[in-house]
Amino acid sequence: MRLIIHDLLREQAELFIPPQDEETKIIYEKGRIHPCTGCFGCWLQTPGTCVMKDGYHKMGKELSRCDELMIVSRCVYGGFSPFVKNVLDRSIGYVLPEFEIRNGEMHHALRYSNTIRMRVLFYGSDIAEWEKETARRIVEANAENLGCTVEEVVFEMQDLGGLPC
């Protein structure tokens, strides 16, 4: 399954995101997303699922079902937009609370055995070189934490579709 997480306006998404089908799940802002509170509920009470039921509570489970993750996000100071960052934070149930050493660094142990290919498109006007480098490092760190393989990180140096971001 392909999982697409984006922060585009509806008009932008219609231009750039393929329609959802049985092989694609699209996560977009469709109501208030609560920030992760670090309560450990997704690890201890409802493994893989957040205890806050706001429509984004199954992100860990959604990641467990996908083999391709595509993220489209406005580049904000070299990172993901607030919405995309919240979605990724709410995905922490995808991993376990235990730690292991991977590539010489300590990371959460993986709960699921699927392999995810990750593609990220950052967009925005005037993305500085330092922002691009920071964004690449953040994508690599997120990929390592989630056990993903980064296939590409692309920067679109304009607002998509000529629409305001």
C-alpha atoms as a PDB file:
ATOM      1  CA  MET A   1       0.000   0.000   0.000  1.00  0.00           C
ATOM      2  CA  ARG A   2       1.106   3.571  -0.664  1.00  0.00           C
ATOM      3  CA  LEU A   3       0.604   6.060   2.168  1.00  0.00           C
ATOM      4  CA  ILE A   4       0.586   9.746   1.224  1.00  0.00           C
ATOM      5  CA  ILE A   5       0.797  12.412   3.923  1.00  0.00           C
ATOM      6  CA  HIS A   6       0.382  15.988   2.721  1.00  0.00           C
ATOM      7  CA  ASP A   7      -0.420  19.496   3.902  1.00  0.00           C
ATOM      8  CA  LEU A   8      -1.703  20.826   0.596  1.00  0.00           C
ATOM      9  CA  LEU A   9      -4.863  22.838   0.179  1.00  0.00           C
ATOM     10  CA  ARG A  10      -7.643  20.917  -1.548  1.00  0.00           C
ATOM     11  CA  GLU A  11      -7.076  22.778  -4.826  1.00  0.00           C
ATOM     12  CA  GLN A  12      -3.343  21.976  -4.727  1.00  0.00           C
ATOM     13  CA  ALA A  13      -3.934  18.332  -3.833  1.00  0.00           C
ATOM     14  CA  GLU A  14      -6.296  17.889  -6.775  1.00  0.00           C
ATOM     15  CA  LEU A  15      -3.442  18.967  -9.081  1.00  0.00           C
ATOM     16  CA  PHE A  16      -0.605  16.942  -7.536  1.00  0.00           C
ATOM     17  CA  ILE A  17      -1.955  13.960  -5.579  1.00  0.00           C
ATOM     18  CA  PRO A  18      -3.445  10.974  -7.406  1.00  0.00           C
ATOM     19  CA  PRO A  19      -6.984  10.043  -6.388  1.00  0.00           C
ATOM     20  CA  GLN A  20      -7.264   7.602  -3.493  1.00  0.00           C
ATOM     21  CA  ASP A  21      -7.825   3.991  -4.492  1.00  0.00           C
ATOM     22  CA  GLU A  22      -7.626   0.650  -2.684  1.00  0.00           C
ATOM     23  CA  GLU A  23      -3.815   0.686  -2.966  1.00  0.00           C
ATOM     24  CA  THR A  24      -3.409   4.289  -1.716  1.00  0.00           C
ATOM     25  CA  LYS A  25      -4.282   5.891   1.612  1.00  0.00           C
ATOM     26  CA  ILE A  26      -4.121   9.690   1.800  1.00  0.00           C
ATOM     27  CA  ILE A  27      -3.649  11.547   5.085  1.00  0.00           C
ATOM     28  CA  TYR A  28      -4.478  15.253   4.954  1.00  0.00           C
ATOM     29  CA  GLU A  29      -5.758  17.892   7.322  1.00  0.00           C
ATOM     30  CA  LYS A  30      -9.416  17.052   7.792  1.00  0.00           C
ATOM     31  CA  GLY A  31      -9.944  18.433  11.249  1.00  0.00           C
ATOM     32  CA  ARG A  32      -7.968  19.295  14.329  1.00  0.00           C
ATOM     33  CA  ILE A  33      -5.020  17.016  15.046  1.00  0.00           C
ATOM     34  CA  HIS A  34      -4.029  16.751  18.684  1.00  0.00           C
ATOM     35  CA  PRO A  35      -0.282  16.868  19.317  1.00  0.00           C
ATOM     36  CA  CYS A  36       1.396  13.809  20.826  1.00  0.00           C
ATOM     37  CA  THR A  37       1.482  14.206  24.606  1.00  0.00           C
ATOM     38  CA  GLY A  38       4.078  11.514  25.269  1.00  0.00           C
ATOM     39  CA  CYS A  39       1.619   9.522  27.400  1.00  0.00           C
ATOM     40  CA  PHE A  40       2.915   6.101  26.185  1.00  0.00           C
ATOM     41  CA  GLY A  41      -0.683   4.969  25.551  1.00  0.00           C
ATOM     42  CA  CYS A  42       0.185   3.883  22.002  1.00  0.00           C
ATOM     43  CA  TRP A  43       2.859   1.614  23.474  1.00  0.00           C
ATOM     44  CA  LEU A  44       1.164   0.282  26.605  1.00  0.00           C
ATOM     45  CA  GLN A  45      -2.631   0.651  26.457  1.00  0.00           C
ATOM     46  CA  THR A  46      -3.491   0.316  22.747  1.00  0.00           C
ATOM     47  CA  PRO A  47      -0.280  -0.924  21.033  1.00  0.00           C
ATOM     48  CA  GLY A  48       0.252   0.788  17.685  1.00  0.00           C
ATOM     49  CA  THR A  49      -2.797   3.048  18.086  1.00  0.00           C
ATOM     50  CA  CYS A  50      -2.927   6.431  19.811  1.00  0.00           C
ATOM     51  CA  VAL A  51      -5.372   6.782  22.701  1.00  0.00           C
ATOM     52  CA  MET A  52      -6.537  10.206  21.426  1.00  0.00           C
ATOM     53  CA  LYS A  53      -9.311   9.447  18.938  1.00  0.00           C
ATOM     54  CA  ASP A  54      -9.230  12.435  16.609  1.00  0.00           C
ATOM     55  CA  GLY A  55      -9.058  10.762  13.198  1.00  0.00           C
ATOM     56  CA  TYR A  56      -5.255  10.512  13.258  1.00  0.00           C
ATOM     57  CA  HIS A  57      -5.000   7.871  15.973  1.00  0.00           C
ATOM     58  CA  LYS A  58      -4.230   4.941  13.641  1.00  0.00           C
ATOM     59  CA  MET A  59      -1.039   6.359  12.111  1.00  0.00           C
ATOM     60  CA  GLY A  60       1.155   3.587  13.556  1.00  0.00           C
ATOM     61  CA  LYS A  61      -1.141   0.952  12.080  1.00  0.00           C
ATOM     62  CA  GLU A  62      -1.279   2.790   8.741  1.00  0.00           C
ATOM     63  CA  LEU A  63       2.521   2.757   8.535  1.00  0.00           C
ATOM     64  CA  SER A  64       2.519  -0.971   9.322  1.00  0.00           C
ATOM     65  CA  ARG A  65       0.420  -1.595   6.208  1.00  0.00           C
ATOM     66  CA  CYS A  66       2.441   0.451   3.753  1.00  0.00           C
ATOM     67  CA  ASP A  67       5.470  -0.284   1.649  1.00  0.00           C
ATOM     68  CA  GLU A  68       5.706   3.216   0.172  1.00  0.00           C
ATOM     69  CA  LEU A  69       5.460   6.475   2.124  1.00  0.00           C
ATOM     70  CA  MET A  70       5.191   9.743   0.251  1.00  0.00           C
ATOM     71  CA  ILE A  71       5.273  13.017   2.183  1.00  0.00           C
ATOM     72  CA  VAL A  72       4.456  16.374   0.602  1.00  0.00           C
ATOM     73  CA  SER A  73       5.165  19.259   2.969  1.00  0.00           C
ATOM     74  CA  ARG A  74       5.832  22.947   2.943  1.00  0.00           C
ATOM     75  CA  CYS A  75       9.448  23.441   4.044  1.00  0.00           C
ATOM     76  CA  VAL A  76       9.347  25.351   7.335  1.00  0.00           C
ATOM     77  CA  TYR A  77      12.767  26.435   8.644  1.00  0.00           C
ATOM     78  CA  GLY A  78      14.322  23.283   7.229  1.00  0.00           C
ATOM     79  CA  GLY A  79      11.654  20.915   8.487  1.00  0.00           C
ATOM     80  CA  PHE A  80       8.160  19.619   7.975  1.00  0.00           C
ATOM     81  CA  SER A  81       5.087  21.825   8.276  1.00  0.00           C
ATOM     82  CA  PRO A  82       3.336  21.732  11.674  1.00  0.00           C
ATOM     83  CA  PHE A  83       0.587  19.429  10.375  1.00  0.00           C
ATOM     84  CA  VAL A  84       2.991  16.897   8.823  1.00  0.00           C
ATOM     85  CA  LYS A  85       5.208  17.006  11.934  1.00  0.00           C
ATOM     86  CA  ASN A  86       2.166  16.259  14.116  1.00  0.00           C
ATOM     87  CA  VAL A  87       1.187  13.316  11.912  1.00  0.00           C
ATOM     88  CA  LEU A  88       4.710  11.889  12.153  1.00  0.00           C
ATOM     89  CA  ASP A  89       4.755  12.431  15.927  1.00  0.00           C
ATOM     90  CA  ARG A  90       1.432  10.607  16.209  1.00  0.00           C
ATOM     91  CA  SER A  91       3.040   7.673  14.350  1.00  0.00           C
ATOM     92  CA  ILE A  92       5.315   6.820  17.294  1.00  0.00           C
ATOM     93  CA  GLY A  93       3.188   3.737  18.024  1.00  0.00           C
ATOM     94  CA  TYR A  94       4.738   2.224  14.893  1.00  0.00           C
ATOM     95  CA  VAL A  95       7.867   1.532  16.953  1.00  0.00           C
ATOM     96  CA  LEU A  96       8.325  -0.113  20.340  1.00  0.00           C
ATOM     97  CA  PRO A  97       9.291   1.619  23.612  1.00  0.00           C
ATOM     98  CA  GLU A  98      12.427  -0.544  23.818  1.00  0.00           C
ATOM     99  CA  PHE A  99      15.694   0.627  22.290  1.00  0.00           C
ATOM    100  CA  GLU A 100      18.282  -1.006  20.055  1.00  0.00           C
ATOM    101  CA  ILE A 101      21.496   0.058  18.357  1.00  0.00           C
ATOM    102  CA  ARG A 102      21.167   0.508  14.575  1.00  0.00           C
ATOM    103  CA  ASN A 103      23.962   1.938  12.458  1.00  0.00           C
ATOM    104  CA  GLY A 104      25.869   2.850  15.613  1.00  0.00           C
ATOM    105  CA  GLU A 105      22.979   4.912  17.041  1.00  0.00           C
ATOM    106  CA  MET A 106      20.262   4.195  19.583  1.00  0.00           C
ATOM    107  CA  HIS A 107      16.748   3.970  18.141  1.00  0.00           C
ATOM    108  CA  HIS A 108      13.397   2.548  19.136  1.00  0.00           C
ATOM    109  CA  ALA A 109      13.033  -1.111  18.224  1.00  0.00           C
ATOM    110  CA  LEU A 110      10.737  -1.710  15.273  1.00  0.00           C
ATOM    111  CA  ARG A 111       7.308  -3.178  16.053  1.00  0.00           C
ATOM    112  CA  TYR A 112       6.591  -4.287  12.479  1.00  0.00           C
ATOM    113  CA  SER A 113       8.749  -6.026   9.877  1.00  0.00           C
ATOM    114  CA  ASN A 114       7.573  -4.250   6.729  1.00  0.00           C
ATOM    115  CA  THR A 115      10.078  -2.311   4.647  1.00  0.00           C
ATOM    116  CA  ILE A 116       8.988   1.199   3.678  1.00  0.00           C
ATOM    117  CA  ARG A 117      10.357   3.199   0.758  1.00  0.00           C
ATOM    118  CA  MET A 118      10.145   6.913   1.563  1.00  0.00           C
ATOM    119  CA  ARG A 119       9.862   9.850  -0.832  1.00  0.00           C
ATOM    120  CA  VAL A 120       9.585  13.442   0.355  1.00  0.00           C
ATOM    121  CA  LEU A 121       8.696  16.579  -1.588  1.00  0.00           C
ATOM    122  CA  PHE A 122       9.302  19.881   0.188  1.00  0.00           C
ATOM    123  CA  TYR A 123       7.842  22.983  -1.418  1.00  0.00           C
ATOM    124  CA  GLY A 124       7.940  26.707  -0.822  1.00  0.00           C
ATOM    125  CA  SER A 125       9.460  29.862  -2.193  1.00  0.00           C
ATOM    126  CA  ASP A 126      12.988  30.896  -1.276  1.00  0.00           C
ATOM    127  CA  ILE A 127      14.097  27.666   0.429  1.00  0.00           C
ATOM    128  CA  ALA A 128      17.673  28.408   1.505  1.00  0.00           C
ATOM    129  CA  GLU A 129      20.508  25.901   1.099  1.00  0.00           C
ATOM    130  CA  TRP A 130      20.798  25.496   4.879  1.00  0.00           C
ATOM    131  CA  GLU A 131      17.071  24.674   5.016  1.00  0.00           C
ATOM    132  CA  LYS A 132      17.516  22.014   2.338  1.00  0.00           C
ATOM    133  CA  GLU A 133      20.415  20.430   4.214  1.00  0.00           C
ATOM    134  CA  THR A 134      18.512  20.495   7.505  1.00  0.00           C
ATOM    135  CA  ALA A 135      15.429  19.012   5.825  1.00  0.00           C
ATOM    136  CA  ARG A 136      17.492  16.198   4.267  1.00  0.00           C
ATOM    137  CA  ARG A 137      18.976  15.359   7.678  1.00  0.00           C
ATOM    138  CA  ILE A 138      15.518  15.367   9.298  1.00  0.00           C
ATOM    139  CA  VAL A 139      14.170  13.028   6.606  1.00  0.00           C
ATOM    140  CA  GLU A 140      17.151  10.683   7.076  1.00  0.00           C
ATOM    141  CA  ALA A 141      16.678  10.699  10.870  1.00  0.00           C
ATOM    142  CA  ASN A 142      12.946  10.011  10.569  1.00  0.00           C
ATOM    143  CA  ALA A 143      13.628   7.229   8.081  1.00  0.00           C
ATOM    144  CA  GLU A 144      16.171   5.619  10.398  1.00  0.00           C
ATOM    145  CA  ASN A 145      13.743   5.790  13.331  1.00  0.00           C
ATOM    146  CA  LEU A 146      10.955   4.202  11.294  1.00  0.00           C
ATOM    147  CA  GLY A 147      13.150   1.664   9.499  1.00  0.00           C
ATOM    148  CA  CYS A 148      12.510   3.286   6.105  1.00  0.00           C
ATOM    149  CA  THR A 149      14.710   3.605   3.055  1.00  0.00           C
ATOM    150  CA  VAL A 150      14.861   7.126   1.619  1.00  0.00           C
ATOM    151  CA  GLU A 151      14.452   6.962  -2.139  1.00  0.00           C
ATOM    152  CA  GLU A 152      14.397  10.699  -2.782  1.00  0.00           C
ATOM    153  CA  VAL A 153      14.084  14.133  -1.231  1.00  0.00           C
ATOM    154  CA  VAL A 154      12.975  16.795  -3.707  1.00  0.00           C
ATOM    155  CA  PHE A 155      12.603  20.556  -3.313  1.00  0.00           C
ATOM    156  CA  GLU A 156      10.071  22.513  -5.384  1.00  0.00           C
ATOM    157  CA  MET A 157      11.133  26.130  -5.191  1.00  0.00           C
ATOM    158  CA  GLN A 158       7.660  27.576  -5.563  1.00  0.00           C
ATOM    159  CA  ASP A 159       4.271  27.287  -4.012  1.00  0.00           C
ATOM    160  CA  LEU A 160       2.592  24.342  -5.718  1.00  0.00           C
ATOM    161  CA  GLY A 161      -0.023  25.199  -8.264  1.00  0.00           C
ATOM    162  CA  GLY A 162       0.594  28.904  -7.813  1.00  0.00           C
ATOM    163  CA  LEU A 163      -1.707  28.779  -4.799  1.00  0.00           C
ATOM    164  CA  PRO A 164      -0.837  30.346  -1.461  1.00  0.00           C
ATOM    165  CA  CYS A 165       0.615  28.016   1.147  1.00  0.00           C
END
